[in-house]
Amino acid sequence: MQARLKALLNASHDAAVLRRRVKVLARALARAIPGPGRVLDIGCGDGQIAAGLLEQRPDLRLEGVDVLVRPQTRVPVAEYDGETLPFSDNSFDYVTIVDVLHHTDSPVSVLREAARVARQGVVIKDHLREGLLAGPTLRLMDWVGNRGHGVRLPYNYLSLGEWEEAFDRAALDRLTWVDRLDLYPQPLNWWFERRLHFVTLLRPRAFLRDEYPVRGFNT
């Protein structure tokens, strides 16, 4: 019975949401990344969204990391422990993190690692918990979208103020913010959009120090 329910959830979610979600998110990421370069996708799964991004942005070179590497992926994927990225500082121009941080117990730790390896920017797509119905709605969406795949669901949704604090603690400054993504077909979009999702471009403060160093004066 449980296996049948999982199969039903997976099929219904794929038909109603997943294909549209991949297309919309790939387009949103393509718009958010301001220039060409090397991109790391943290928690990329099977790489569907990353592959969609590459279709729209052939000027990017993209690879992914995940704690569990699937047998078949659309882009090259390396395994990592969920804490320390297996790359040196400034290895990538940009890092993308799509619907990953609300599945972690320490979003700040993941953000700090992203800021460490990203030279120019970090692009995040995640959820925003604002308003009385936001929490229950997000939990329902998460359960329907992920329960059938056995994904861990800590339901760790942040408010705008909590996101701002997390960005600051990770030494990231917000440059752009989009909270109208049109992820779902109608009538689902009316209920499940409501600014519960956002895409933001963040710039590591280390980038400003490297690109615009403070110069002293001889006295």
C-alpha atoms as a PDB file:
ATOM      1  CA  MET A   1       0.000   0.000   0.000  1.00  0.00           C
ATOM      2  CA  GLN A   2       2.776   2.424   0.926  1.00  0.00           C
ATOM      3  CA  ALA A   3       4.708   1.622  -2.261  1.00  0.00           C
ATOM      4  CA  ARG A   4       1.566   2.206  -4.311  1.00  0.00           C
ATOM      5  CA  LEU A   5       1.004   5.575  -2.626  1.00  0.00           C
ATOM      6  CA  LYS A   6       4.597   6.608  -3.369  1.00  0.00           C
ATOM      7  CA  ALA A   7       4.201   5.612  -7.010  1.00  0.00           C
ATOM      8  CA  LEU A   8       0.953   7.590  -7.259  1.00  0.00           C
ATOM      9  CA  LEU A   9       2.550  10.672  -5.687  1.00  0.00           C
ATOM     10  CA  ASN A  10       5.523  10.505  -8.028  1.00  0.00           C
ATOM     11  CA  ALA A  11       3.359  10.122 -11.122  1.00  0.00           C
ATOM     12  CA  SER A  12       0.926  12.904 -10.211  1.00  0.00           C
ATOM     13  CA  HIS A  13       3.694  15.297  -9.193  1.00  0.00           C
ATOM     14  CA  ASP A  14       5.592  14.648 -12.419  1.00  0.00           C
ATOM     15  CA  ALA A  15       2.533  15.190 -14.573  1.00  0.00           C
ATOM     16  CA  ALA A  16       1.264  18.336 -12.860  1.00  0.00           C
ATOM     17  CA  VAL A  17       4.376  20.103 -11.642  1.00  0.00           C
ATOM     18  CA  LEU A  18       7.801  18.639 -12.298  1.00  0.00           C
ATOM     19  CA  ARG A  19       8.190  19.248 -16.023  1.00  0.00           C
ATOM     20  CA  ARG A  20       6.914  22.807 -15.748  1.00  0.00           C
ATOM     21  CA  ARG A  21       9.065  23.417 -12.660  1.00  0.00           C
ATOM     22  CA  VAL A  22      12.249  22.336 -14.432  1.00  0.00           C
ATOM     23  CA  LYS A  23      11.553  24.674 -17.346  1.00  0.00           C
ATOM     24  CA  VAL A  24      10.593  27.673 -15.207  1.00  0.00           C
ATOM     25  CA  LEU A  25      13.496  27.297 -12.777  1.00  0.00           C
ATOM     26  CA  ALA A  26      16.040  26.833 -15.556  1.00  0.00           C
ATOM     27  CA  ARG A  27      14.801  30.074 -17.101  1.00  0.00           C
ATOM     28  CA  ALA A  28      14.912  31.901 -13.744  1.00  0.00           C
ATOM     29  CA  LEU A  29      18.476  30.741 -13.072  1.00  0.00           C
ATOM     30  CA  ALA A  30      19.551  31.715 -16.583  1.00  0.00           C
ATOM     31  CA  ARG A  31      18.289  35.236 -15.940  1.00  0.00           C
ATOM     32  CA  ALA A  32      19.850  35.459 -12.477  1.00  0.00           C
ATOM     33  CA  ILE A  33      23.398  34.501 -13.482  1.00  0.00           C
ATOM     34  CA  PRO A  34      24.841  37.736 -14.898  1.00  0.00           C
ATOM     35  CA  GLY A  35      27.785  36.418 -16.899  1.00  0.00           C
ATOM     36  CA  PRO A  36      29.547  33.412 -18.412  1.00  0.00           C
ATOM     37  CA  GLY A  37      31.773  31.058 -16.479  1.00  0.00           C
ATOM     38  CA  ARG A  38      32.065  27.894 -14.467  1.00  0.00           C
ATOM     39  CA  VAL A  39      29.057  26.952 -12.293  1.00  0.00           C
ATOM     40  CA  LEU A  40      28.655  24.495  -9.416  1.00  0.00           C
ATOM     41  CA  ASP A  41      25.153  23.233  -8.594  1.00  0.00           C
ATOM     42  CA  ILE A  42      24.932  22.095  -4.954  1.00  0.00           C
ATOM     43  CA  GLY A  43      22.391  19.316  -4.383  1.00  0.00           C
ATOM     44  CA  CYS A  44      21.760  18.893  -8.091  1.00  0.00           C
ATOM     45  CA  GLY A  45      20.011  15.500  -7.924  1.00  0.00           C
ATOM     46  CA  ASP A  46      19.718  14.030 -11.399  1.00  0.00           C
ATOM     47  CA  GLY A  47      20.759  17.322 -12.989  1.00  0.00           C
ATOM     48  CA  GLN A  48      17.508  18.058 -14.836  1.00  0.00           C
ATOM     49  CA  ILE A  49      17.424  21.719 -13.856  1.00  0.00           C
ATOM     50  CA  ALA A  50      21.163  22.099 -14.476  1.00  0.00           C
ATOM     51  CA  ALA A  51      20.766  20.599 -17.946  1.00  0.00           C
ATOM     52  CA  GLY A  52      17.870  22.956 -18.630  1.00  0.00           C
ATOM     53  CA  LEU A  53      20.040  25.873 -17.546  1.00  0.00           C
ATOM     54  CA  LEU A  54      22.792  24.821 -19.967  1.00  0.00           C
ATOM     55  CA  GLU A  55      20.284  24.703 -22.822  1.00  0.00           C
ATOM     56  CA  GLN A  56      19.461  28.359 -22.197  1.00  0.00           C
ATOM     57  CA  ARG A  57      22.992  29.427 -21.292  1.00  0.00           C
ATOM     58  CA  PRO A  58      25.574  27.654 -23.495  1.00  0.00           C
ATOM     59  CA  ASP A  59      28.151  30.158 -22.221  1.00  0.00           C
ATOM     60  CA  LEU A  60      28.195  28.305 -18.872  1.00  0.00           C
ATOM     61  CA  ARG A  61      30.215  25.243 -17.860  1.00  0.00           C
ATOM     62  CA  LEU A  62      28.343  23.347 -15.176  1.00  0.00           C
ATOM     63  CA  GLU A  63      28.927  20.463 -12.791  1.00  0.00           C
ATOM     64  CA  GLY A  64      27.143  19.335  -9.646  1.00  0.00           C
ATOM     65  CA  VAL A  65      27.626  17.839  -6.205  1.00  0.00           C
ATOM     66  CA  ASP A  66      25.238  15.827  -4.072  1.00  0.00           C
ATOM     67  CA  VAL A  67      25.373  13.715  -0.937  1.00  0.00           C
ATOM     68  CA  LEU A  68      23.915  10.845  -2.954  1.00  0.00           C
ATOM     69  CA  VAL A  69      25.007  10.511  -6.575  1.00  0.00           C
ATOM     70  CA  ARG A  70      22.334   8.900  -8.714  1.00  0.00           C
ATOM     71  CA  PRO A  71      23.202   6.171 -11.241  1.00  0.00           C
ATOM     72  CA  GLN A  72      22.239   8.409 -14.167  1.00  0.00           C
ATOM     73  CA  THR A  73      22.633  12.192 -14.205  1.00  0.00           C
ATOM     74  CA  ARG A  74      22.243  14.851 -16.876  1.00  0.00           C
ATOM     75  CA  VAL A  75      25.457  16.653 -15.863  1.00  0.00           C
ATOM     76  CA  PRO A  76      28.704  15.486 -14.198  1.00  0.00           C
ATOM     77  CA  VAL A  77      28.070  15.029 -10.454  1.00  0.00           C
ATOM     78  CA  ALA A  78      30.590  14.495  -7.649  1.00  0.00           C
ATOM     79  CA  GLU A  79      29.778  13.170  -4.196  1.00  0.00           C
ATOM     80  CA  TYR A  80      30.296  15.329  -1.123  1.00  0.00           C
ATOM     81  CA  ASP A  81      29.603  14.925   2.578  1.00  0.00           C
ATOM     82  CA  GLY A  82      27.059  17.732   2.860  1.00  0.00           C
ATOM     83  CA  GLU A  83      29.449  19.891   4.862  1.00  0.00           C
ATOM     84  CA  THR A  84      32.705  20.621   3.008  1.00  0.00           C
ATOM     85  CA  LEU A  85      32.789  21.078  -0.756  1.00  0.00           C
ATOM     86  CA  PRO A  86      35.694  19.168  -2.366  1.00  0.00           C
ATOM     87  CA  PHE A  87      36.995  22.265  -4.149  1.00  0.00           C
ATOM     88  CA  SER A  88      39.496  24.991  -3.375  1.00  0.00           C
ATOM     89  CA  ASP A  89      38.555  28.624  -2.774  1.00  0.00           C
ATOM     90  CA  ASN A  90      37.221  30.560  -5.785  1.00  0.00           C
ATOM     91  CA  SER A  91      37.072  27.418  -7.948  1.00  0.00           C
ATOM     92  CA  PHE A  92      33.853  28.544  -9.641  1.00  0.00           C
ATOM     93  CA  ASP A  93      32.449  31.779 -10.970  1.00  0.00           C
ATOM     94  CA  TYR A  94      28.954  31.007  -9.663  1.00  0.00           C
ATOM     95  CA  VAL A  95      27.232  28.520  -7.364  1.00  0.00           C
ATOM     96  CA  THR A  96      23.551  27.568  -7.618  1.00  0.00           C
ATOM     97  CA  ILE A  97      21.519  26.075  -4.753  1.00  0.00           C
ATOM     98  CA  VAL A  98      17.994  25.091  -5.808  1.00  0.00           C
ATOM     99  CA  ASP A  99      15.485  24.021  -3.121  1.00  0.00           C
ATOM    100  CA  VAL A 100      18.236  22.523  -0.979  1.00  0.00           C
ATOM    101  CA  LEU A 101      18.660  24.805   2.023  1.00  0.00           C
ATOM    102  CA  HIS A 102      15.248  24.083   3.565  1.00  0.00           C
ATOM    103  CA  HIS A 103      16.262  20.402   3.647  1.00  0.00           C
ATOM    104  CA  THR A 104      19.342  21.146   5.779  1.00  0.00           C
ATOM    105  CA  ASP A 105      19.742  21.684   9.514  1.00  0.00           C
ATOM    106  CA  SER A 106      22.382  24.389   8.991  1.00  0.00           C
ATOM    107  CA  PRO A 107      21.702  26.577   5.941  1.00  0.00           C
ATOM    108  CA  VAL A 108      24.420  29.007   7.041  1.00  0.00           C
ATOM    109  CA  SER A 109      27.099  26.301   6.833  1.00  0.00           C
ATOM    110  CA  VAL A 110      26.066  25.453   3.266  1.00  0.00           C
ATOM    111  CA  LEU A 111      25.995  29.140   2.345  1.00  0.00           C
ATOM    112  CA  ARG A 112      29.474  29.699   3.768  1.00  0.00           C
ATOM    113  CA  GLU A 113      30.865  26.858   1.688  1.00  0.00           C
ATOM    114  CA  ALA A 114      29.126  28.249  -1.395  1.00  0.00           C
ATOM    115  CA  ALA A 115      30.617  31.686  -0.718  1.00  0.00           C
ATOM    116  CA  ARG A 116      34.051  30.118  -0.298  1.00  0.00           C
ATOM    117  CA  VAL A 117      34.143  28.429  -3.709  1.00  0.00           C
ATOM    118  CA  ALA A 118      32.181  31.079  -5.668  1.00  0.00           C
ATOM    119  CA  ARG A 119      34.236  33.944  -7.011  1.00  0.00           C
ATOM    120  CA  GLN A 120      31.440  36.139  -8.369  1.00  0.00           C
ATOM    121  CA  GLY A 121      28.052  35.054  -7.082  1.00  0.00           C
ATOM    122  CA  VAL A 122      25.710  32.564  -5.427  1.00  0.00           C
ATOM    123  CA  VAL A 123      22.212  32.039  -6.850  1.00  0.00           C
ATOM    124  CA  ILE A 124      19.604  30.537  -4.537  1.00  0.00           C
ATOM    125  CA  LYS A 125      16.099  29.305  -5.193  1.00  0.00           C
ATOM    126  CA  ASP A 126      14.202  28.475  -2.020  1.00  0.00           C
ATOM    127  CA  HIS A 127      11.051  29.125   0.009  1.00  0.00           C
ATOM    128  CA  LEU A 128       9.897  32.124   2.015  1.00  0.00           C
ATOM    129  CA  ARG A 129       7.838  31.690   5.182  1.00  0.00           C
ATOM    130  CA  GLU A 130       5.764  34.857   5.477  1.00  0.00           C
ATOM    131  CA  GLY A 131       2.152  34.899   6.710  1.00  0.00           C
ATOM    132  CA  LEU A 132       0.003  32.518   8.748  1.00  0.00           C
ATOM    133  CA  LEU A 133      -0.650  30.034   5.938  1.00  0.00           C
ATOM    134  CA  ALA A 134       2.879  29.948   4.533  1.00  0.00           C
ATOM    135  CA  GLY A 135       4.213  27.248   6.869  1.00  0.00           C
ATOM    136  CA  PRO A 136       1.353  24.736   6.400  1.00  0.00           C
ATOM    137  CA  THR A 137       1.283  25.364   2.642  1.00  0.00           C
ATOM    138  CA  LEU A 138       5.027  24.815   2.272  1.00  0.00           C
ATOM    139  CA  ARG A 139       4.897  21.636   4.337  1.00  0.00           C
ATOM    140  CA  LEU A 140       2.126  20.278   2.106  1.00  0.00           C
ATOM    141  CA  MET A 141       4.073  21.163  -1.047  1.00  0.00           C
ATOM    142  CA  ASP A 142       7.236  19.573   0.324  1.00  0.00           C
ATOM    143  CA  TRP A 143       5.433  16.400   1.354  1.00  0.00           C
ATOM    144  CA  VAL A 144       3.710  15.948  -2.003  1.00  0.00           C
ATOM    145  CA  GLY A 145       6.844  16.759  -3.994  1.00  0.00           C
ATOM    146  CA  ASN A 146       9.389  14.756  -2.008  1.00  0.00           C
ATOM    147  CA  ARG A 147       7.793  12.128   0.210  1.00  0.00           C
ATOM    148  CA  GLY A 148       7.454   9.684  -2.651  1.00  0.00           C
ATOM    149  CA  HIS A 149      11.213   9.889  -3.227  1.00  0.00           C
ATOM    150  CA  GLY A 150      12.204   9.255   0.391  1.00  0.00           C
ATOM    151  CA  VAL A 151      13.725  12.726   0.783  1.00  0.00           C
ATOM    152  CA  ARG A 152      14.402  13.921   4.329  1.00  0.00           C
ATOM    153  CA  LEU A 153      11.886  16.622   5.289  1.00  0.00           C
ATOM    154  CA  PRO A 154      12.946  18.831   8.226  1.00  0.00           C
ATOM    155  CA  TYR A 155      10.567  21.610   7.024  1.00  0.00           C
ATOM    156  CA  ASN A 156      13.186  24.260   7.777  1.00  0.00           C
ATOM    157  CA  TYR A 157      11.560  27.302   6.159  1.00  0.00           C
ATOM    158  CA  LEU A 158      12.912  30.775   6.892  1.00  0.00           C
ATOM    159  CA  SER A 159      11.261  34.182   7.028  1.00  0.00           C
ATOM    160  CA  LEU A 160      12.730  37.124   5.110  1.00  0.00           C
ATOM    161  CA  GLY A 161      14.451  38.369   8.252  1.00  0.00           C
ATOM    162  CA  GLU A 162      15.944  34.935   8.906  1.00  0.00           C
ATOM    163  CA  TRP A 163      17.194  34.701   5.331  1.00  0.00           C
ATOM    164  CA  GLU A 164      18.814  38.124   5.621  1.00  0.00           C
ATOM    165  CA  GLU A 165      20.535  37.049   8.835  1.00  0.00           C
ATOM    166  CA  ALA A 166      21.756  33.827   7.193  1.00  0.00           C
ATOM    167  CA  PHE A 167      23.141  35.733   4.205  1.00  0.00           C
ATOM    168  CA  ASP A 168      24.936  38.154   6.501  1.00  0.00           C
ATOM    169  CA  ARG A 169      26.453  35.373   8.609  1.00  0.00           C
ATOM    170  CA  ALA A 170      27.730  33.742   5.415  1.00  0.00           C
ATOM    171  CA  ALA A 171      29.261  37.057   4.247  1.00  0.00           C
ATOM    172  CA  LEU A 172      26.927  37.304   1.257  1.00  0.00           C
ATOM    173  CA  ASP A 173      25.228  40.485   0.058  1.00  0.00           C
ATOM    174  CA  ARG A 174      21.924  40.387  -1.812  1.00  0.00           C
ATOM    175  CA  LEU A 175      21.986  41.930  -5.291  1.00  0.00           C
ATOM    176  CA  THR A 176      18.692  40.786  -6.836  1.00  0.00           C
ATOM    177  CA  TRP A 177      15.473  39.219  -5.562  1.00  0.00           C
ATOM    178  CA  VAL A 178      12.587  37.753  -7.597  1.00  0.00           C
ATOM    179  CA  ASP A 179       9.529  36.292  -5.856  1.00  0.00           C
ATOM    180  CA  ARG A 180       7.128  35.874  -8.779  1.00  0.00           C
ATOM    181  CA  LEU A 181       8.159  32.683 -10.559  1.00  0.00           C
ATOM    182  CA  ASP A 182       4.889  31.283 -11.979  1.00  0.00           C
ATOM    183  CA  LEU A 183       5.972  27.737 -11.149  1.00  0.00           C
ATOM    184  CA  TYR A 184       2.605  25.997 -11.260  1.00  0.00           C
ATOM    185  CA  PRO A 185      -0.193  25.624 -13.788  1.00  0.00           C
ATOM    186  CA  GLN A 186      -3.525  27.192 -12.899  1.00  0.00           C
ATOM    187  CA  PRO A 187      -5.372  26.811 -10.596  1.00  0.00           C
ATOM    188  CA  LEU A 188      -2.454  25.496  -8.506  1.00  0.00           C
ATOM    189  CA  ASN A 189      -0.478  28.683  -9.116  1.00  0.00           C
ATOM    190  CA  TRP A 190      -3.098  30.780  -7.330  1.00  0.00           C
ATOM    191  CA  TRP A 191      -2.640  28.852  -4.087  1.00  0.00           C
ATOM    192  CA  PHE A 192       0.954  27.609  -4.146  1.00  0.00           C
ATOM    193  CA  GLU A 193       2.718  30.657  -5.601  1.00  0.00           C
ATOM    194  CA  ARG A 194       1.761  33.607  -3.342  1.00  0.00           C
ATOM    195  CA  ARG A 195       5.411  34.699  -3.031  1.00  0.00           C
ATOM    196  CA  LEU A 196       6.326  31.473  -1.266  1.00  0.00           C
ATOM    197  CA  HIS A 197       9.272  31.050  -3.648  1.00  0.00           C
ATOM    198  CA  PHE A 198      12.211  33.284  -4.501  1.00  0.00           C
ATOM    199  CA  VAL A 199      15.362  33.418  -6.595  1.00  0.00           C
ATOM    200  CA  THR A 200      18.157  35.665  -5.379  1.00  0.00           C
ATOM    201  CA  LEU A 201      21.641  36.547  -6.579  1.00  0.00           C
ATOM    202  CA  LEU A 202      24.155  37.050  -3.772  1.00  0.00           C
ATOM    203  CA  ARG A 203      27.673  38.396  -4.023  1.00  0.00           C
ATOM    204  CA  PRO A 204      30.436  37.142  -1.715  1.00  0.00           C
ATOM    205  CA  ARG A 205      32.021  40.002   0.186  1.00  0.00           C
ATOM    206  CA  ALA A 206      35.412  38.488  -0.642  1.00  0.00           C
ATOM    207  CA  PHE A 207      34.687  39.393  -4.288  1.00  0.00           C
ATOM    208  CA  LEU A 208      34.533  43.070  -3.400  1.00  0.00           C
ATOM    209  CA  ARG A 209      37.812  42.838  -1.487  1.00  0.00           C
ATOM    210  CA  ASP A 210      39.519  41.105  -4.418  1.00  0.00           C
ATOM    211  CA  GLU A 211      38.105  43.302  -7.177  1.00  0.00           C
ATOM    212  CA  TYR A 212      38.198  46.614  -5.318  1.00  0.00           C
ATOM    213  CA  PRO A 213      40.986  46.412  -2.710  1.00  0.00           C
ATOM    214  CA  VAL A 214      41.339  49.254  -0.256  1.00  0.00           C
ATOM    215  CA  ARG A 215      44.468  51.198  -1.119  1.00  0.00           C
ATOM    216  CA  GLY A 216      46.357  53.087   1.537  1.00  0.00           C
ATOM    217  CA  PHE A 217      48.077  56.438   1.151  1.00  0.00           C
ATOM    218  CA  ASN A 218      51.720  57.203   1.738  1.00  0.00           C
ATOM    219  CA  THR A 219      52.273  59.796   4.425  1.00  0.00           C
END
